[in-house]
């Protein structure tokens, strides 16, 4: 079962597992530490960075499933 959805806030993702941060950084989301990212959903952040939110969700859930 998927643990992460694209409507989750970046802050929630990092609380779930802090090891998600390097995964987001490798994807090009380098602003995960800024205050506004704590109030942005994964989908909103992906849109701002021109990323596919569904792909990020899949990658994060694959990582968490390992």
PDB file of N, CA and C in Angstrom:
ATOM      1  N   UNK A   1       0.835  -1.186   0.000  1.00  0.00           N
ATOM      2  CA  UNK A   1       0.000   0.000   0.000  1.00  0.00           C
ATOM      3  C   UNK A   1       0.882   1.253   0.000  1.00  0.00           C
ATOM      4  N   UNK A   2       0.503   2.225  -0.798  1.00  0.00           N
ATOM      5  CA  UNK A   2       1.274   3.456  -0.912  1.00  0.00           C
ATOM      6  C   UNK A   2       1.204   4.250   0.392  1.00  0.00           C
ATOM      7  N   UNK A   3       2.346   4.755   0.799  1.00  0.00           N
ATOM      8  CA  UNK A   3       2.419   5.560   2.010  1.00  0.00           C
ATOM      9  C   UNK A   3       2.317   7.047   1.695  1.00  0.00           C
ATOM     10  N   UNK A   4       2.698   7.423   0.485  1.00  0.00           N
ATOM     11  CA  UNK A   4       2.805   8.822   0.113  1.00  0.00           C
ATOM     12  C   UNK A   4       1.837   9.121  -1.019  1.00  0.00           C
ATOM     13  N   UNK A   5       1.227  10.304  -0.954  1.00  0.00           N
ATOM     14  CA  UNK A   5       0.374  10.780  -2.048  1.00  0.00           C
ATOM     15  C   UNK A   5       0.817  12.188  -2.417  1.00  0.00           C
ATOM     16  N   UNK A   6       0.424  12.624  -3.614  1.00  0.00           N
ATOM     17  CA  UNK A   6       0.907  13.928  -4.083  1.00  0.00           C
ATOM     18  C   UNK A   6       0.271  15.104  -3.360  1.00  0.00           C
ATOM     19  N   UNK A   7      -0.772  14.850  -2.574  1.00  0.00           N
ATOM     20  CA  UNK A   7      -1.375  15.952  -1.816  1.00  0.00           C
ATOM     21  C   UNK A   7      -0.734  16.132  -0.441  1.00  0.00           C
ATOM     22  N   UNK A   8       0.238  15.275  -0.097  1.00  0.00           N
ATOM     23  CA  UNK A   8       0.945  15.417   1.175  1.00  0.00           C
ATOM     24  C   UNK A   8       1.892  16.614   1.115  1.00  0.00           C
ATOM     25  N   UNK A   9       2.023  17.286   2.242  1.00  0.00           N
ATOM     26  CA  UNK A   9       2.941  18.417   2.332  1.00  0.00           C
ATOM     27  C   UNK A   9       4.382  17.915   2.373  1.00  0.00           C
ATOM     28  N   UNK A  10       5.295  18.726   1.848  1.00  0.00           N
ATOM     29  CA  UNK A  10       6.714  18.364   1.878  1.00  0.00           C
ATOM     30  C   UNK A  10       7.150  18.109   3.323  1.00  0.00           C
ATOM     31  N   UNK A  11       6.701  18.947   4.244  1.00  0.00           N
ATOM     32  CA  UNK A  11       7.023  18.760   5.658  1.00  0.00           C
ATOM     33  C   UNK A  11       6.555  17.410   6.183  1.00  0.00           C
ATOM     34  N   UNK A  12       5.372  16.971   5.757  1.00  0.00           N
ATOM     35  CA  UNK A  12       4.861  15.654   6.180  1.00  0.00           C
ATOM     36  C   UNK A  12       5.741  14.539   5.637  1.00  0.00           C
ATOM     37  N   UNK A  13       6.179  14.692   4.395  1.00  0.00           N
ATOM     38  CA  UNK A  13       7.048  13.671   3.793  1.00  0.00           C
ATOM     39  C   UNK A  13       8.339  13.526   4.582  1.00  0.00           C
ATOM     40  N   UNK A  14       8.911  14.671   4.950  1.00  0.00           N
ATOM     41  CA  UNK A  14      10.180  14.635   5.675  1.00  0.00           C
ATOM     42  C   UNK A  14      10.011  14.110   7.093  1.00  0.00           C
ATOM     43  N   UNK A  15       8.836  14.319   7.684  1.00  0.00           N
ATOM     44  CA  UNK A  15       8.567  13.741   9.004  1.00  0.00           C
ATOM     45  C   UNK A  15       8.362  12.233   8.902  1.00  0.00           C
ATOM     46  N   UNK A  16       7.783  11.798   7.804  1.00  0.00           N
ATOM     47  CA  UNK A  16       7.562  10.373   7.581  1.00  0.00           C
ATOM     48  C   UNK A  16       8.889   9.631   7.519  1.00  0.00           C
ATOM     49  N   UNK A  17       9.833  10.197   6.760  1.00  0.00           N
ATOM     50  CA  UNK A  17      11.165   9.597   6.635  1.00  0.00           C
ATOM     51  C   UNK A  17      12.117  10.682   6.140  1.00  0.00           C
ATOM     52  N   UNK A  18      13.064  11.063   6.960  1.00  0.00           N
ATOM     53  CA  UNK A  18      13.990  12.139   6.582  1.00  0.00           C
ATOM     54  C   UNK A  18      14.869  11.750   5.398  1.00  0.00           C
ATOM     55  N   UNK A  19      14.952  10.451   5.100  1.00  0.00           N
ATOM     56  CA  UNK A  19      15.744   9.997   3.958  1.00  0.00           C
ATOM     57  C   UNK A  19      15.077  10.299   2.625  1.00  0.00           C
ATOM     58  N   UNK A  20      13.861  10.845   2.665  1.00  0.00           N
ATOM     59  CA  UNK A  20      13.194  11.282   1.439  1.00  0.00           C
ATOM     60  C   UNK A  20      13.867  12.548   0.911  1.00  0.00           C
ATOM     61  N   UNK A  21      14.463  13.348   1.793  1.00  0.00           N
ATOM     62  CA  UNK A  21      15.103  14.608   1.388  1.00  0.00           C
ATOM     63  C   UNK A  21      16.144  14.407   0.289  1.00  0.00           C
ATOM     64  N   UNK A  22      17.092  13.486   0.427  1.00  0.00           N
ATOM     65  CA  UNK A  22      18.071  13.308  -0.657  1.00  0.00           C
ATOM     66  C   UNK A  22      17.422  12.864  -1.968  1.00  0.00           C
ATOM     67  N   UNK A  23      16.372  12.100  -1.885  1.00  0.00           N
ATOM     68  CA  UNK A  23      15.667  11.664  -3.085  1.00  0.00           C
ATOM     69  C   UNK A  23      15.067  12.875  -3.811  1.00  0.00           C
ATOM     70  N   UNK A  24      14.443  13.777  -3.067  1.00  0.00           N
ATOM     71  CA  UNK A  24      13.877  14.986  -3.659  1.00  0.00           C
ATOM     72  C   UNK A  24      14.981  15.877  -4.217  1.00  0.00           C
ATOM     73  N   UNK A  25      16.083  15.972  -3.501  1.00  0.00           N
ATOM     74  CA  UNK A  25      17.203  16.803  -3.953  1.00  0.00           C
ATOM     75  C   UNK A  25      17.781  16.253  -5.263  1.00  0.00           C
ATOM     76  N   UNK A  26      17.929  14.933  -5.353  1.00  0.00           N
ATOM     77  CA  UNK A  26      18.443  14.334  -6.590  1.00  0.00           C
ATOM     78  C   UNK A  26      17.497  14.587  -7.760  1.00  0.00           C
ATOM     79  N   UNK A  27      16.199  14.704  -7.468  1.00  0.00           N
ATOM     80  CA  UNK A  27      15.209  14.960  -8.514  1.00  0.00           C
ATOM     81  C   UNK A  27      15.233  16.424  -8.955  1.00  0.00           C
ATOM     82  N   UNK A  28      15.959  17.284  -8.228  1.00  0.00           N
ATOM     83  CA  UNK A  28      16.059  18.688  -8.597  1.00  0.00           C
ATOM     84  C   UNK A  28      15.285  19.633  -7.700  1.00  0.00           C
ATOM     85  N   UNK A  29      14.717  19.095  -6.637  1.00  0.00           N
ATOM     86  CA  UNK A  29      13.941  19.917  -5.707  1.00  0.00           C
ATOM     87  C   UNK A  29      14.869  20.333  -4.561  1.00  0.00           C
ATOM     88  N   UNK A  30      15.651  21.381  -4.817  1.00  0.00           N
ATOM     89  CA  UNK A  30      16.698  21.791  -3.878  1.00  0.00           C
ATOM     90  C   UNK A  30      16.218  22.726  -2.781  1.00  0.00           C
ATOM     91  N   UNK A  31      14.959  23.101  -2.797  1.00  0.00           N
ATOM     92  CA  UNK A  31      14.469  24.077  -1.816  1.00  0.00           C
ATOM     93  C   UNK A  31      13.658  23.415  -0.707  1.00  0.00           C
ATOM     94  N   UNK A  32      13.887  22.147  -0.442  1.00  0.00           N
ATOM     95  CA  UNK A  32      13.061  21.443   0.550  1.00  0.00           C
ATOM     96  C   UNK A  32      13.225  21.994   1.955  1.00  0.00           C
ATOM     97  N   UNK A  33      14.296  22.713   2.224  1.00  0.00           N
ATOM     98  CA  UNK A  33      14.506  23.267   3.552  1.00  0.00           C
ATOM     99  C   UNK A  33      13.911  24.647   3.747  1.00  0.00           C
ATOM    100  N   UNK A  34      13.434  25.264   2.671  1.00  0.00           N
ATOM    101  CA  UNK A  34      12.894  26.616   2.829  1.00  0.00           C
ATOM    102  C   UNK A  34      11.528  26.557   3.511  1.00  0.00           C
ATOM    103  N   UNK A  35      11.196  27.589   4.269  1.00  0.00           N
ATOM    104  CA  UNK A  35       9.942  27.578   5.034  1.00  0.00           C
ATOM    105  C   UNK A  35       8.691  27.356   4.189  1.00  0.00           C
ATOM    106  N   UNK A  36       8.635  27.928   2.990  1.00  0.00           N
ATOM    107  CA  UNK A  36       7.416  27.769   2.182  1.00  0.00           C
ATOM    108  C   UNK A  36       7.219  26.333   1.722  1.00  0.00           C
ATOM    109  N   UNK A  37       8.310  25.573   1.585  1.00  0.00           N
ATOM    110  CA  UNK A  37       8.161  24.183   1.145  1.00  0.00           C
ATOM    111  C   UNK A  37       7.457  23.337   2.205  1.00  0.00           C
ATOM    112  N   UNK A  38       7.508  23.772   3.446  1.00  0.00           N
ATOM    113  CA  UNK A  38       6.857  23.034   4.516  1.00  0.00           C
ATOM    114  C   UNK A  38       5.333  23.136   4.418  1.00  0.00           C
ATOM    115  N   UNK A  39       4.864  24.122   3.641  1.00  0.00           N
ATOM    116  CA  UNK A  39       3.425  24.325   3.494  1.00  0.00           C
ATOM    117  C   UNK A  39       2.946  23.996   2.086  1.00  0.00           C
ATOM    118  N   UNK A  40       3.837  23.462   1.247  1.00  0.00           N
ATOM    119  CA  UNK A  40       3.499  23.099  -0.128  1.00  0.00           C
ATOM    120  C   UNK A  40       3.278  21.606  -0.222  1.00  0.00           C
ATOM    121  N   UNK A  41       2.323  21.212  -1.040  1.00  0.00           N
ATOM    122  CA  UNK A  41       2.129  19.786  -1.288  1.00  0.00           C
ATOM    123  C   UNK A  41       3.207  19.321  -2.266  1.00  0.00           C
ATOM    124  N   UNK A  42       3.391  18.023  -2.323  1.00  0.00           N
ATOM    125  CA  UNK A  42       4.346  17.461  -3.268  1.00  0.00           C
ATOM    126  C   UNK A  42       3.932  17.827  -4.694  1.00  0.00           C
ATOM    127  N   UNK A  43       2.632  17.806  -4.967  1.00  0.00           N
ATOM    128  CA  UNK A  43       2.142  18.159  -6.302  1.00  0.00           C
ATOM    129  C   UNK A  43       2.445  19.625  -6.632  1.00  0.00           C
ATOM    130  N   UNK A  44       2.217  20.532  -5.679  1.00  0.00           N
ATOM    131  CA  UNK A  44       2.503  21.954  -5.913  1.00  0.00           C
ATOM    132  C   UNK A  44       3.991  22.181  -6.145  1.00  0.00           C
ATOM    133  N   UNK A  45       4.815  21.558  -5.331  1.00  0.00           N
ATOM    134  CA  UNK A  45       6.263  21.721  -5.474  1.00  0.00           C
ATOM    135  C   UNK A  45       6.738  21.151  -6.805  1.00  0.00           C
ATOM    136  N   UNK A  46       6.193  20.012  -7.195  1.00  0.00           N
ATOM    137  CA  UNK A  46       6.564  19.407  -8.470  1.00  0.00           C
ATOM    138  C   UNK A  46       6.181  20.328  -9.624  1.00  0.00           C
ATOM    139  N   UNK A  47       5.003  20.926  -9.540  1.00  0.00           N
ATOM    140  CA  UNK A  47       4.542  21.823 -10.596  1.00  0.00           C
ATOM    141  C   UNK A  47       5.478  23.030 -10.719  1.00  0.00           C
ATOM    142  N   UNK A  48       5.869  23.608  -9.595  1.00  0.00           N
ATOM    143  CA  UNK A  48       6.768  24.766  -9.591  1.00  0.00           C
ATOM    144  C   UNK A  48       8.103  24.408 -10.246  1.00  0.00           C
ATOM    145  N   UNK A  49       8.560  23.176 -10.027  1.00  0.00           N
ATOM    146  CA  UNK A  49       9.863  22.744 -10.533  1.00  0.00           C
ATOM    147  C   UNK A  49       9.772  22.020 -11.874  1.00  0.00           C
ATOM    148  N   UNK A  50       8.569  21.962 -12.451  1.00  0.00           N
ATOM    149  CA  UNK A  50       8.405  21.313 -13.749  1.00  0.00           C
ATOM    150  C   UNK A  50       8.619  19.819 -13.713  1.00  0.00           C
ATOM    151  N   UNK A  51       8.221  19.199 -12.611  1.00  0.00           N
ATOM    152  CA  UNK A  51       8.400  17.754 -12.435  1.00  0.00           C
ATOM    153  C   UNK A  51       7.065  17.034 -12.502  1.00  0.00           C
ATOM    154  N   UNK A  52       7.132  15.750 -12.737  1.00  0.00           N
ATOM    155  CA  UNK A  52       5.948  14.891 -12.766  1.00  0.00           C
ATOM    156  C   UNK A  52       5.669  14.413 -11.342  1.00  0.00           C
ATOM    157  N   UNK A  53       4.609  14.920 -10.735  1.00  0.00           N
ATOM    158  CA  UNK A  53       4.276  14.574  -9.344  1.00  0.00           C
ATOM    159  C   UNK A  53       3.992  13.081  -9.196  1.00  0.00           C
ATOM    160  N   UNK A  54       3.325  12.485 -10.179  1.00  0.00           N
ATOM    161  CA  UNK A  54       3.005  11.057 -10.090  1.00  0.00           C
ATOM    162  C   UNK A  54       4.272  10.207 -10.092  1.00  0.00           C
ATOM    163  N   UNK A  55       5.255  10.607 -10.899  1.00  0.00           N
ATOM    164  CA  UNK A  55       6.526   9.890 -10.932  1.00  0.00           C
ATOM    165  C   UNK A  55       7.255  10.022  -9.597  1.00  0.00           C
ATOM    166  N   UNK A  56       7.251  11.221  -9.019  1.00  0.00           N
ATOM    167  CA  UNK A  56       7.881  11.417  -7.712  1.00  0.00           C
ATOM    168  C   UNK A  56       7.209  10.561  -6.641  1.00  0.00           C
ATOM    169  N   UNK A  57       5.886  10.523  -6.661  1.00  0.00           N
ATOM    170  CA  UNK A  57       5.147   9.701  -5.691  1.00  0.00           C
ATOM    171  C   UNK A  57       5.559   8.240  -5.846  1.00  0.00           C
ATOM    172  N   UNK A  58       5.625   7.776  -7.075  1.00  0.00           N
ATOM    173  CA  UNK A  58       6.023   6.378  -7.324  1.00  0.00           C
ATOM    174  C   UNK A  58       7.423   6.111  -6.811  1.00  0.00           C
ATOM    175  N   UNK A  59       8.355   7.017  -7.102  1.00  0.00           N
ATOM    176  CA  UNK A  59       9.743   6.840  -6.666  1.00  0.00           C
ATOM    177  C   UNK A  59       9.852   6.833  -5.146  1.00  0.00           C
ATOM    178  N   UNK A  60       9.130   7.735  -4.482  1.00  0.00           N
ATOM    179  CA  UNK A  60       9.175   7.798  -3.023  1.00  0.00           C
ATOM    180  C   UNK A  60       8.567   6.535  -2.413  1.00  0.00           C
ATOM    181  N   UNK A  61       7.430   6.110  -2.940  1.00  0.00           N
ATOM    182  CA  UNK A  61       6.802   4.901  -2.411  1.00  0.00           C
ATOM    183  C   UNK A  61       7.654   3.660  -2.678  1.00  0.00           C
ATOM    184  N   UNK A  62       8.315   3.612  -3.830  1.00  0.00           N
ATOM    185  CA  UNK A  62       9.248   2.508  -4.097  1.00  0.00           C
ATOM    186  C   UNK A  62      10.376   2.516  -3.078  1.00  0.00           C
ATOM    187  N   UNK A  63      10.917   3.706  -2.795  1.00  0.00           N
ATOM    188  CA  UNK A  63      11.997   3.860  -1.813  1.00  0.00           C
ATOM    189  C   UNK A  63      11.532   3.402  -0.434  1.00  0.00           C
ATOM    190  N   UNK A  64      10.339   3.815  -0.035  1.00  0.00           N
ATOM    191  CA  UNK A  64       9.826   3.449   1.286  1.00  0.00           C
ATOM    192  C   UNK A  64       9.482   1.970   1.385  1.00  0.00           C
ATOM    193  N   UNK A  65       9.218   1.356   0.245  1.00  0.00           N
ATOM    194  CA  UNK A  65       8.883  -0.067   0.233  1.00  0.00           C
ATOM    195  C   UNK A  65      10.092  -0.975   0.309  1.00  0.00           C
ATOM    196  N   UNK A  66      11.276  -0.414   0.138  1.00  0.00           N
ATOM    197  CA  UNK A  66      12.493  -1.230   0.160  1.00  0.00           C
ATOM    198  C   UNK A  66      12.824  -1.728   1.534  1.00  0.00           C
TER     199      UNK A  66
END
